[in-house]
């Protein structure tokens, strides 16, 4: 399962925009942490997403304007999970299905 997820994530990273990957990652993190709040610095987010910090700054200003999250001083709060899912990649749906099969 882990190898399958690693391959899917690699493909997702190659095919999708930083914004969509950012949204997918937030949803995954929120699922694992069972929390709608994520505390991370932009440097770490850039490393996780494999992009420059300036790219994270751009994305972190676009996604809140859609009303899906708030982002301030390293604290991200998911306000509208459905909107975040719409902005995410379709790979997130695959991950949800895989998790349901595991449970």
PDB file of N, CA and C in Angstrom:
ATOM      1  N   UNK A   1       0.825  -1.184   0.000  1.00  0.00           N
ATOM      2  CA  UNK A   1       0.000   0.000   0.000  1.00  0.00           C
ATOM      3  C   UNK A   1       0.879   1.260   0.000  1.00  0.00           C
ATOM      4  N   UNK A   2       1.927   1.238   0.822  1.00  0.00           N
ATOM      5  CA  UNK A   2       2.812   2.399   0.911  1.00  0.00           C
ATOM      6  C   UNK A   2       3.511   2.665  -0.421  1.00  0.00           C
ATOM      7  N   UNK A   3       3.969   1.608  -1.078  1.00  0.00           N
ATOM      8  CA  UNK A   3       4.625   1.762  -2.373  1.00  0.00           C
ATOM      9  C   UNK A   3       3.654   2.320  -3.409  1.00  0.00           C
ATOM     10  N   UNK A   4       2.428   1.857  -3.381  1.00  0.00           N
ATOM     11  CA  UNK A   4       1.404   2.354  -4.295  1.00  0.00           C
ATOM     12  C   UNK A   4       1.148   3.844  -4.059  1.00  0.00           C
ATOM     13  N   UNK A   5       1.075   4.235  -2.797  1.00  0.00           N
ATOM     14  CA  UNK A   5       0.854   5.647  -2.471  1.00  0.00           C
ATOM     15  C   UNK A   5       2.048   6.498  -2.889  1.00  0.00           C
ATOM     16  N   UNK A   6       3.257   5.981  -2.720  1.00  0.00           N
ATOM     17  CA  UNK A   6       4.452   6.724  -3.124  1.00  0.00           C
ATOM     18  C   UNK A   6       4.464   6.954  -4.631  1.00  0.00           C
ATOM     19  N   UNK A   7       4.099   5.918  -5.397  1.00  0.00           N
ATOM     20  CA  UNK A   7       4.031   6.069  -6.851  1.00  0.00           C
ATOM     21  C   UNK A   7       2.952   7.073  -7.255  1.00  0.00           C
ATOM     22  N   UNK A   8       1.799   6.981  -6.615  1.00  0.00           N
ATOM     23  CA  UNK A   8       0.711   7.909  -6.917  1.00  0.00           C
ATOM     24  C   UNK A   8       1.072   9.340  -6.582  1.00  0.00           C
ATOM     25  N   UNK A   9       1.738   9.535  -5.463  1.00  0.00           N
ATOM     26  CA  UNK A   9       2.163  10.875  -5.061  1.00  0.00           C
ATOM     27  C   UNK A   9       3.185  11.431  -6.040  1.00  0.00           C
ATOM     28  N   UNK A  10       4.120  10.608  -6.477  1.00  0.00           N
ATOM     29  CA  UNK A  10       5.119  11.054  -7.454  1.00  0.00           C
ATOM     30  C   UNK A  10       4.448  11.478  -8.760  1.00  0.00           C
ATOM     31  N   UNK A  11       3.500  10.689  -9.221  1.00  0.00           N
ATOM     32  CA  UNK A  11       2.776  11.043 -10.448  1.00  0.00           C
ATOM     33  C   UNK A  11       1.983  12.325 -10.252  1.00  0.00           C
ATOM     34  N   UNK A  12       1.338  12.437  -9.113  1.00  0.00           N
ATOM     35  CA  UNK A  12       0.544  13.630  -8.798  1.00  0.00           C
ATOM     36  C   UNK A  12       1.442  14.873  -8.791  1.00  0.00           C
ATOM     37  N   UNK A  13       2.624  14.745  -8.190  1.00  0.00           N
ATOM     38  CA  UNK A  13       3.556  15.875  -8.120  1.00  0.00           C
ATOM     39  C   UNK A  13       4.027  16.295  -9.511  1.00  0.00           C
ATOM     40  N   UNK A  14       4.137  15.340 -10.418  1.00  0.00           N
ATOM     41  CA  UNK A  14       4.598  15.658 -11.770  1.00  0.00           C
ATOM     42  C   UNK A  14       3.502  16.283 -12.627  1.00  0.00           C
ATOM     43  N   UNK A  15       2.243  15.926 -12.357  1.00  0.00           N
ATOM     44  CA  UNK A  15       1.150  16.314 -13.249  1.00  0.00           C
ATOM     45  C   UNK A  15       0.322  17.516 -12.801  1.00  0.00           C
ATOM     46  N   UNK A  16       0.292  17.810 -11.504  1.00  0.00           N
ATOM     47  CA  UNK A  16      -0.642  18.808 -10.999  1.00  0.00           C
ATOM     48  C   UNK A  16       0.041  20.081 -10.526  1.00  0.00           C
ATOM     49  N   UNK A  17      -0.738  21.137 -10.466  1.00  0.00           N
ATOM     50  CA  UNK A  17      -0.229  22.433 -10.039  1.00  0.00           C
ATOM     51  C   UNK A  17       0.153  22.403  -8.563  1.00  0.00           C
ATOM     52  N   UNK A  18       0.956  23.364  -8.183  1.00  0.00           N
ATOM     53  CA  UNK A  18       1.363  23.480  -6.778  1.00  0.00           C
ATOM     54  C   UNK A  18       0.132  23.709  -5.911  1.00  0.00           C
ATOM     55  N   UNK A  19      -0.799  24.513  -6.384  1.00  0.00           N
ATOM     56  CA  UNK A  19      -2.017  24.804  -5.624  1.00  0.00           C
ATOM     57  C   UNK A  19      -2.813  23.524  -5.337  1.00  0.00           C
ATOM     58  N   UNK A  20      -2.984  22.690  -6.351  1.00  0.00           N
ATOM     59  CA  UNK A  20      -3.743  21.445  -6.173  1.00  0.00           C
ATOM     60  C   UNK A  20      -3.004  20.500  -5.229  1.00  0.00           C
ATOM     61  N   UNK A  21      -1.682  20.429  -5.353  1.00  0.00           N
ATOM     62  CA  UNK A  21      -0.893  19.568  -4.470  1.00  0.00           C
ATOM     63  C   UNK A  21      -0.928  20.072  -3.035  1.00  0.00           C
ATOM     64  N   UNK A  22      -0.875  21.390  -2.866  1.00  0.00           N
ATOM     65  CA  UNK A  22      -0.973  22.018  -1.547  1.00  0.00           C
ATOM     66  C   UNK A  22      -2.298  21.630  -0.888  1.00  0.00           C
ATOM     67  N   UNK A  23      -3.379  21.724  -1.644  1.00  0.00           N
ATOM     68  CA  UNK A  23      -4.703  21.373  -1.115  1.00  0.00           C
ATOM     69  C   UNK A  23      -4.781  19.889  -0.761  1.00  0.00           C
ATOM     70  N   UNK A  24      -4.256  19.034  -1.636  1.00  0.00           N
ATOM     71  CA  UNK A  24      -4.255  17.593  -1.358  1.00  0.00           C
ATOM     72  C   UNK A  24      -3.470  17.294  -0.087  1.00  0.00           C
ATOM     73  N   UNK A  25      -2.316  17.922   0.038  1.00  0.00           N
ATOM     74  CA  UNK A  25      -1.480  17.666   1.199  1.00  0.00           C
ATOM     75  C   UNK A  25      -2.188  18.121   2.485  1.00  0.00           C
ATOM     76  N   UNK A  26      -2.823  19.298   2.453  1.00  0.00           N
ATOM     77  CA  UNK A  26      -3.553  19.782   3.637  1.00  0.00           C
ATOM     78  C   UNK A  26      -4.654  18.808   4.037  1.00  0.00           C
ATOM     79  N   UNK A  27      -5.382  18.313   3.061  1.00  0.00           N
ATOM     80  CA  UNK A  27      -6.449  17.353   3.353  1.00  0.00           C
ATOM     81  C   UNK A  27      -5.889  16.075   3.958  1.00  0.00           C
ATOM     82  N   UNK A  28      -4.790  15.580   3.391  1.00  0.00           N
ATOM     83  CA  UNK A  28      -4.167  14.365   3.936  1.00  0.00           C
ATOM     84  C   UNK A  28      -3.704  14.592   5.369  1.00  0.00           C
ATOM     85  N   UNK A  29      -3.057  15.716   5.603  1.00  0.00           N
ATOM     86  CA  UNK A  29      -2.553  16.023   6.933  1.00  0.00           C
ATOM     87  C   UNK A  29      -3.703  16.128   7.933  1.00  0.00           C
ATOM     88  N   UNK A  30      -4.746  16.829   7.540  1.00  0.00           N
ATOM     89  CA  UNK A  30      -5.909  17.000   8.426  1.00  0.00           C
ATOM     90  C   UNK A  30      -6.537  15.654   8.756  1.00  0.00           C
ATOM     91  N   UNK A  31      -6.597  14.750   7.782  1.00  0.00           N
ATOM     92  CA  UNK A  31      -7.139  13.410   8.024  1.00  0.00           C
ATOM     93  C   UNK A  31      -6.300  12.663   9.051  1.00  0.00           C
ATOM     94  N   UNK A  32      -5.002  12.691   8.875  1.00  0.00           N
ATOM     95  CA  UNK A  32      -4.113  11.949   9.777  1.00  0.00           C
ATOM     96  C   UNK A  32      -4.078  12.555  11.170  1.00  0.00           C
ATOM     97  N   UNK A  33      -4.132  13.871  11.241  1.00  0.00           N
ATOM     98  CA  UNK A  33      -4.062  14.548  12.539  1.00  0.00           C
ATOM     99  C   UNK A  33      -5.426  14.648  13.207  1.00  0.00           C
ATOM    100  N   UNK A  34      -6.488  14.337  12.461  1.00  0.00           N
ATOM    101  CA  UNK A  34      -7.862  14.489  12.958  1.00  0.00           C
ATOM    102  C   UNK A  34      -8.089  15.898  13.488  1.00  0.00           C
ATOM    103  N   UNK A  35      -7.612  16.865  12.711  1.00  0.00           N
ATOM    104  CA  UNK A  35      -7.722  18.270  13.101  1.00  0.00           C
ATOM    105  C   UNK A  35      -7.869  19.128  11.852  1.00  0.00           C
ATOM    106  N   UNK A  36      -8.574  20.222  11.987  1.00  0.00           N
ATOM    107  CA  UNK A  36      -8.733  21.162  10.878  1.00  0.00           C
ATOM    108  C   UNK A  36      -7.677  22.255  10.931  1.00  0.00           C
ATOM    109  N   UNK A  37      -6.742  22.152  11.872  1.00  0.00           N
ATOM    110  CA  UNK A  37      -5.687  23.150  12.028  1.00  0.00           C
ATOM    111  C   UNK A  37      -4.320  22.505  11.814  1.00  0.00           C
ATOM    112  N   UNK A  38      -3.511  23.150  10.988  1.00  0.00           N
ATOM    113  CA  UNK A  38      -2.161  22.688  10.687  1.00  0.00           C
ATOM    114  C   UNK A  38      -1.200  23.816  11.038  1.00  0.00           C
ATOM    115  N   UNK A  39      -0.154  23.500  11.776  1.00  0.00           N
ATOM    116  CA  UNK A  39       0.848  24.504  12.126  1.00  0.00           C
ATOM    117  C   UNK A  39       2.161  24.145  11.446  1.00  0.00           C
ATOM    118  N   UNK A  40       2.539  24.924  10.436  1.00  0.00           N
ATOM    119  CA  UNK A  40       3.764  24.679   9.672  1.00  0.00           C
ATOM    120  C   UNK A  40       4.339  25.988   9.154  1.00  0.00           C
ATOM    121  N   UNK A  41       5.653  26.057   9.098  1.00  0.00           N
ATOM    122  CA  UNK A  41       6.304  27.207   8.477  1.00  0.00           C
ATOM    123  C   UNK A  41       6.319  27.016   6.964  1.00  0.00           C
ATOM    124  N   UNK A  42       6.402  28.117   6.243  1.00  0.00           N
ATOM    125  CA  UNK A  42       6.423  28.052   4.782  1.00  0.00           C
ATOM    126  C   UNK A  42       7.632  27.291   4.264  1.00  0.00           C
ATOM    127  N   UNK A  43       8.760  27.378   4.960  1.00  0.00           N
ATOM    128  CA  UNK A  43       9.952  26.653   4.528  1.00  0.00           C
ATOM    129  C   UNK A  43       9.702  25.149   4.505  1.00  0.00           C
ATOM    130  N   UNK A  44       9.034  24.642   5.537  1.00  0.00           N
ATOM    131  CA  UNK A  44       8.744  23.214   5.600  1.00  0.00           C
ATOM    132  C   UNK A  44       7.720  22.810   4.536  1.00  0.00           C
ATOM    133  N   UNK A  45       6.704  23.644   4.339  1.00  0.00           N
ATOM    134  CA  UNK A  45       5.730  23.367   3.281  1.00  0.00           C
ATOM    135  C   UNK A  45       6.410  23.327   1.915  1.00  0.00           C
ATOM    136  N   UNK A  46       7.333  24.242   1.681  1.00  0.00           N
ATOM    137  CA  UNK A  46       8.063  24.261   0.411  1.00  0.00           C
ATOM    138  C   UNK A  46       8.854  22.973   0.239  1.00  0.00           C
ATOM    139  N   UNK A  47       9.482  22.518   1.298  1.00  0.00           N
ATOM    140  CA  UNK A  47      10.240  21.269   1.232  1.00  0.00           C
ATOM    141  C   UNK A  47       9.321  20.078   0.967  1.00  0.00           C
ATOM    142  N   UNK A  48       8.199  20.030   1.649  1.00  0.00           N
ATOM    143  CA  UNK A  48       7.240  18.930   1.475  1.00  0.00           C
ATOM    144  C   UNK A  48       6.730  18.889   0.041  1.00  0.00           C
ATOM    145  N   UNK A  49       6.424  20.053  -0.518  1.00  0.00           N
ATOM    146  CA  UNK A  49       5.865  20.128  -1.869  1.00  0.00           C
ATOM    147  C   UNK A  49       6.937  20.124  -2.960  1.00  0.00           C
ATOM    148  N   UNK A  50       8.203  20.289  -2.569  1.00  0.00           N
ATOM    149  CA  UNK A  50       9.296  20.289  -3.539  1.00  0.00           C
ATOM    150  C   UNK A  50       9.332  21.534  -4.399  1.00  0.00           C
ATOM    151  N   UNK A  51       9.025  22.674  -3.764  1.00  0.00           N
ATOM    152  CA  UNK A  51       9.003  23.940  -4.495  1.00  0.00           C
ATOM    153  C   UNK A  51       9.759  25.008  -3.691  1.00  0.00           C
ATOM    154  N   UNK A  52       9.917  26.184  -4.301  1.00  0.00           N
ATOM    155  CA  UNK A  52      10.548  27.304  -3.592  1.00  0.00           C
ATOM    156  C   UNK A  52       9.560  27.907  -2.601  1.00  0.00           C
ATOM    157  N   UNK A  53      10.089  28.552  -1.587  1.00  0.00           N
ATOM    158  CA  UNK A  53       9.254  29.184  -0.566  1.00  0.00           C
ATOM    159  C   UNK A  53       8.335  30.234  -1.184  1.00  0.00           C
ATOM    160  N   UNK A  54       8.813  30.954  -2.181  1.00  0.00           N
ATOM    161  CA  UNK A  54       7.981  31.976  -2.823  1.00  0.00           C
ATOM    162  C   UNK A  54       6.744  31.362  -3.475  1.00  0.00           C
ATOM    163  N   UNK A  55       6.873  30.138  -3.966  1.00  0.00           N
ATOM    164  CA  UNK A  55       5.711  29.451  -4.551  1.00  0.00           C
ATOM    165  C   UNK A  55       4.667  29.158  -3.490  1.00  0.00           C
ATOM    166  N   UNK A  56       5.129  28.780  -2.304  1.00  0.00           N
ATOM    167  CA  UNK A  56       4.204  28.524  -1.189  1.00  0.00           C
ATOM    168  C   UNK A  56       3.515  29.821  -0.792  1.00  0.00           C
ATOM    169  N   UNK A  57       4.239  30.922  -0.787  1.00  0.00           N
ATOM    170  CA  UNK A  57       3.654  32.225  -0.458  1.00  0.00           C
ATOM    171  C   UNK A  57       2.535  32.568  -1.436  1.00  0.00           C
ATOM    172  N   UNK A  58       2.758  32.326  -2.728  1.00  0.00           N
ATOM    173  CA  UNK A  58       1.739  32.600  -3.741  1.00  0.00           C
ATOM    174  C   UNK A  58       0.494  31.740  -3.526  1.00  0.00           C
ATOM    175  N   UNK A  59       0.706  30.455  -3.314  1.00  0.00           N
ATOM    176  CA  UNK A  59      -0.417  29.530  -3.104  1.00  0.00           C
ATOM    177  C   UNK A  59      -1.154  29.870  -1.821  1.00  0.00           C
ATOM    178  N   UNK A  60      -0.401  30.211  -0.783  1.00  0.00           N
ATOM    179  CA  UNK A  60      -1.009  30.521   0.510  1.00  0.00           C
ATOM    180  C   UNK A  60      -1.839  31.805   0.450  1.00  0.00           C
ATOM    181  N   UNK A  61      -1.673  32.589  -0.593  1.00  0.00           N
ATOM    182  CA  UNK A  61      -2.525  33.768  -0.750  1.00  0.00           C
ATOM    183  C   UNK A  61      -3.728  33.477  -1.648  1.00  0.00           C
ATOM    184  N   UNK A  62      -3.626  32.499  -2.556  1.00  0.00           N
ATOM    185  CA  UNK A  62      -4.724  32.156  -3.456  1.00  0.00           C
ATOM    186  C   UNK A  62      -5.802  31.319  -2.768  1.00  0.00           C
ATOM    187  N   UNK A  63      -5.393  30.301  -2.052  1.00  0.00           N
ATOM    188  CA  UNK A  63      -6.355  29.362  -1.467  1.00  0.00           C
ATOM    189  C   UNK A  63      -7.257  30.045  -0.431  1.00  0.00           C
ATOM    190  N   UNK A  64      -6.732  30.909   0.441  1.00  0.00           N
ATOM    191  CA  UNK A  64      -7.641  31.592   1.377  1.00  0.00           C
ATOM    192  C   UNK A  64      -8.661  32.492   0.672  1.00  0.00           C
ATOM    193  N   UNK A  65      -8.292  33.050  -0.475  1.00  0.00           N
ATOM    194  CA  UNK A  65      -9.238  33.922  -1.184  1.00  0.00           C
ATOM    195  C   UNK A  65     -10.445  33.143  -1.685  1.00  0.00           C
ATOM    196  N   UNK A  66     -10.321  31.832  -1.815  1.00  0.00           N
ATOM    197  CA  UNK A  66     -11.445  30.977  -2.212  1.00  0.00           C
ATOM    198  C   UNK A  66     -12.319  30.619  -1.011  1.00  0.00           C
ATOM    199  N   UNK A  67     -11.897  31.020   0.190  1.00  0.00           N
ATOM    200  CA  UNK A  67     -12.684  30.752   1.390  1.00  0.00           C
ATOM    201  C   UNK A  67     -12.491  29.360   1.966  1.00  0.00           C
ATOM    202  N   UNK A  68     -11.508  28.612   1.440  1.00  0.00           N
ATOM    203  CA  UNK A  68     -11.297  27.237   1.897  1.00  0.00           C
ATOM    204  C   UNK A  68     -10.489  27.156   3.183  1.00  0.00           C
ATOM    205  N   UNK A  69      -9.538  28.097   3.345  1.00  0.00           N
ATOM    206  CA  UNK A  69      -8.674  28.091   4.525  1.00  0.00           C
ATOM    207  C   UNK A  69      -8.408  29.507   5.003  1.00  0.00           C
ATOM    208  N   UNK A  70      -7.896  29.600   6.215  1.00  0.00           N
ATOM    209  CA  UNK A  70      -7.252  30.828   6.668  1.00  0.00           C
ATOM    210  C   UNK A  70      -5.797  30.465   6.896  1.00  0.00           C
ATOM    211  N   UNK A  71      -4.914  31.427   6.670  1.00  0.00           N
ATOM    212  CA  UNK A  71      -3.487  31.164   6.830  1.00  0.00           C
ATOM    213  C   UNK A  71      -2.835  32.393   7.424  1.00  0.00           C
ATOM    214  N   UNK A  72      -2.241  32.233   8.595  1.00  0.00           N
ATOM    215  CA  UNK A  72      -1.581  33.352   9.242  1.00  0.00           C
ATOM    216  C   UNK A  72      -0.473  32.845  10.148  1.00  0.00           C
ATOM    217  N   UNK A  73       0.709  33.350   9.930  1.00  0.00           N
ATOM    218  CA  UNK A  73       1.863  33.038  10.780  1.00  0.00           C
ATOM    219  C   UNK A  73       2.057  31.544  11.017  1.00  0.00           C
ATOM    220  N   UNK A  74       1.999  30.790   9.946  1.00  0.00           N
ATOM    221  CA  UNK A  74       2.261  29.364  10.033  1.00  0.00           C
ATOM    222  C   UNK A  74       1.106  28.514  10.527  1.00  0.00           C
ATOM    223  N   UNK A  75      -0.051  29.121  10.742  1.00  0.00           N
ATOM    224  CA  UNK A  75      -1.222  28.364  11.195  1.00  0.00           C
ATOM    225  C   UNK A  75      -2.257  28.358  10.069  1.00  0.00           C
ATOM    226  N   UNK A  76      -2.575  27.168   9.594  1.00  0.00           N
ATOM    227  CA  UNK A  76      -3.555  26.997   8.530  1.00  0.00           C
ATOM    228  C   UNK A  76      -4.791  26.347   9.140  1.00  0.00           C
ATOM    229  N   UNK A  77      -5.947  26.961   8.922  1.00  0.00           N
ATOM    230  CA  UNK A  77      -7.208  26.394   9.401  1.00  0.00           C
ATOM    231  C   UNK A  77      -8.095  26.097   8.197  1.00  0.00           C
ATOM    232  N   UNK A  78      -8.569  24.865   8.131  1.00  0.00           N
ATOM    233  CA  UNK A  78      -9.469  24.481   7.050  1.00  0.00           C
ATOM    234  C   UNK A  78     -10.873  24.942   7.424  1.00  0.00           C
ATOM    235  N   UNK A  79     -11.439  25.818   6.601  1.00  0.00           N
ATOM    236  CA  UNK A  79     -12.779  26.357   6.839  1.00  0.00           C
ATOM    237  C   UNK A  79     -13.839  25.630   6.026  1.00  0.00           C
ATOM    238  N   UNK A  80     -13.501  25.305   4.794  1.00  0.00           N
ATOM    239  CA  UNK A  80     -14.452  24.676   3.878  1.00  0.00           C
ATOM    240  C   UNK A  80     -13.779  23.480   3.213  1.00  0.00           C
ATOM    241  N   UNK A  81     -13.957  22.327   3.838  1.00  0.00           N
ATOM    242  CA  UNK A  81     -13.313  21.096   3.363  1.00  0.00           C
ATOM    243  C   UNK A  81     -13.758  20.750   1.937  1.00  0.00           C
ATOM    244  N   UNK A  82     -15.028  20.933   1.630  1.00  0.00           N
ATOM    245  CA  UNK A  82     -15.537  20.621   0.290  1.00  0.00           C
ATOM    246  C   UNK A  82     -14.854  21.493  -0.772  1.00  0.00           C
ATOM    247  N   UNK A  83     -14.679  22.767  -0.488  1.00  0.00           N
ATOM    248  CA  UNK A  83     -14.000  23.666  -1.428  1.00  0.00           C
ATOM    249  C   UNK A  83     -12.543  23.246  -1.601  1.00  0.00           C
ATOM    250  N   UNK A  84     -11.908  22.870  -0.509  1.00  0.00           N
ATOM    251  CA  UNK A  84     -10.519  22.419  -0.568  1.00  0.00           C
ATOM    252  C   UNK A  84     -10.414  21.136  -1.398  1.00  0.00           C
ATOM    253  N   UNK A  85     -11.374  20.260  -1.254  1.00  0.00           N
ATOM    254  CA  UNK A  85     -11.391  19.025  -2.044  1.00  0.00           C
ATOM    255  C   UNK A  85     -11.564  19.328  -3.537  1.00  0.00           C
ATOM    256  N   UNK A  86     -12.385  20.300  -3.859  1.00  0.00           N
ATOM    257  CA  UNK A  86     -12.572  20.673  -5.266  1.00  0.00           C
ATOM    258  C   UNK A  86     -11.278  21.249  -5.860  1.00  0.00           C
ATOM    259  N   UNK A  87     -10.499  21.926  -5.044  1.00  0.00           N
ATOM    260  CA  UNK A  87      -9.253  22.531  -5.520  1.00  0.00           C
ATOM    261  C   UNK A  87      -8.097  21.535  -5.512  1.00  0.00           C
ATOM    262  N   UNK A  88      -8.285  20.412  -4.862  1.00  0.00           N
ATOM    263  CA  UNK A  88      -7.253  19.386  -4.751  1.00  0.00           C
ATOM    264  C   UNK A  88      -7.174  18.558  -6.034  1.00  0.00           C
ATOM    265  N   UNK A  89      -6.282  17.584  -6.027  1.00  0.00           N
ATOM    266  CA  UNK A  89      -6.137  16.686  -7.175  1.00  0.00           C
ATOM    267  C   UNK A  89      -7.083  15.504  -7.030  1.00  0.00           C
ATOM    268  N   UNK A  90      -7.370  14.837  -8.143  1.00  0.00           N
ATOM    269  CA  UNK A  90      -8.225  13.653  -8.086  1.00  0.00           C
ATOM    270  C   UNK A  90      -7.532  12.507  -7.355  1.00  0.00           C
ATOM    271  N   UNK A  91      -6.217  12.615  -7.184  1.00  0.00           N
ATOM    272  CA  UNK A  91      -5.489  11.581  -6.451  1.00  0.00           C
ATOM    273  C   UNK A  91      -5.939  11.516  -4.987  1.00  0.00           C
ATOM    274  N   UNK A  92      -6.412  12.621  -4.450  1.00  0.00           N
ATOM    275  CA  UNK A  92      -6.907  12.606  -3.073  1.00  0.00           C
ATOM    276  C   UNK A  92      -8.076  11.630  -2.936  1.00  0.00           C
ATOM    277  N   UNK A  93      -8.954  11.591  -3.926  1.00  0.00           N
ATOM    278  CA  UNK A  93     -10.070  10.633  -3.907  1.00  0.00           C
ATOM    279  C   UNK A  93      -9.553   9.193  -3.892  1.00  0.00           C
ATOM    280  N   UNK A  94      -8.499   8.944  -4.655  1.00  0.00           N
ATOM    281  CA  UNK A  94      -7.893   7.613  -4.677  1.00  0.00           C
ATOM    282  C   UNK A  94      -7.348   7.247  -3.300  1.00  0.00           C
ATOM    283  N   UNK A  95      -6.708   8.201  -2.661  1.00  0.00           N
ATOM    284  CA  UNK A  95      -6.174   7.957  -1.316  1.00  0.00           C
ATOM    285  C   UNK A  95      -7.287   7.644  -0.327  1.00  0.00           C
ATOM    286  N   UNK A  96      -8.407   8.353  -0.445  1.00  0.00           N
ATOM    287  CA  UNK A  96      -9.544   8.093   0.443  1.00  0.00           C
ATOM    288  C   UNK A  96     -10.077   6.682   0.229  1.00  0.00           C
ATOM    289  N   UNK A  97     -10.175   6.280  -1.031  1.00  0.00           N
ATOM    290  CA  UNK A  97     -10.658   4.928  -1.339  1.00  0.00           C
ATOM    291  C   UNK A  97      -9.716   3.859  -0.775  1.00  0.00           C
ATOM    292  N   UNK A  98      -8.422   4.082  -0.918  1.00  0.00           N
ATOM    293  CA  UNK A  98      -7.430   3.140  -0.395  1.00  0.00           C
ATOM    294  C   UNK A  98      -7.525   3.046   1.121  1.00  0.00           C
ATOM    295  N   UNK A  99      -7.725   4.172   1.775  1.00  0.00           N
ATOM    296  CA  UNK A  99      -7.839   4.182   3.231  1.00  0.00           C
ATOM    297  C   UNK A  99      -9.085   3.429   3.673  1.00  0.00           C
ATOM    298  N   UNK A 100     -10.181   3.603   2.940  1.00  0.00           N
ATOM    299  CA  UNK A 100     -11.432   2.913   3.274  1.00  0.00           C
ATOM    300  C   UNK A 100     -11.268   1.408   3.112  1.00  0.00           C
ATOM    301  N   UNK A 101     -10.539   0.972   2.106  1.00  0.00           N
ATOM    302  CA  UNK A 101     -10.311  -0.458   1.891  1.00  0.00           C
ATOM    303  C   UNK A 101      -9.448  -1.054   3.005  1.00  0.00           C
ATOM    304  N   UNK A 102      -8.521  -0.248   3.523  1.00  0.00           N
ATOM    305  CA  UNK A 102      -7.644  -0.706   4.592  1.00  0.00           C
ATOM    306  C   UNK A 102      -8.388  -0.874   5.905  1.00  0.00           C
ATOM    307  N   UNK A 103      -9.372  -0.027   6.139  1.00  0.00           N
ATOM    308  CA  UNK A 103     -10.085  -0.025   7.427  1.00  0.00           C
ATOM    309  C   UNK A 103     -11.000  -1.188   7.605  1.00  0.00           C
TER     310      UNK A 103
END
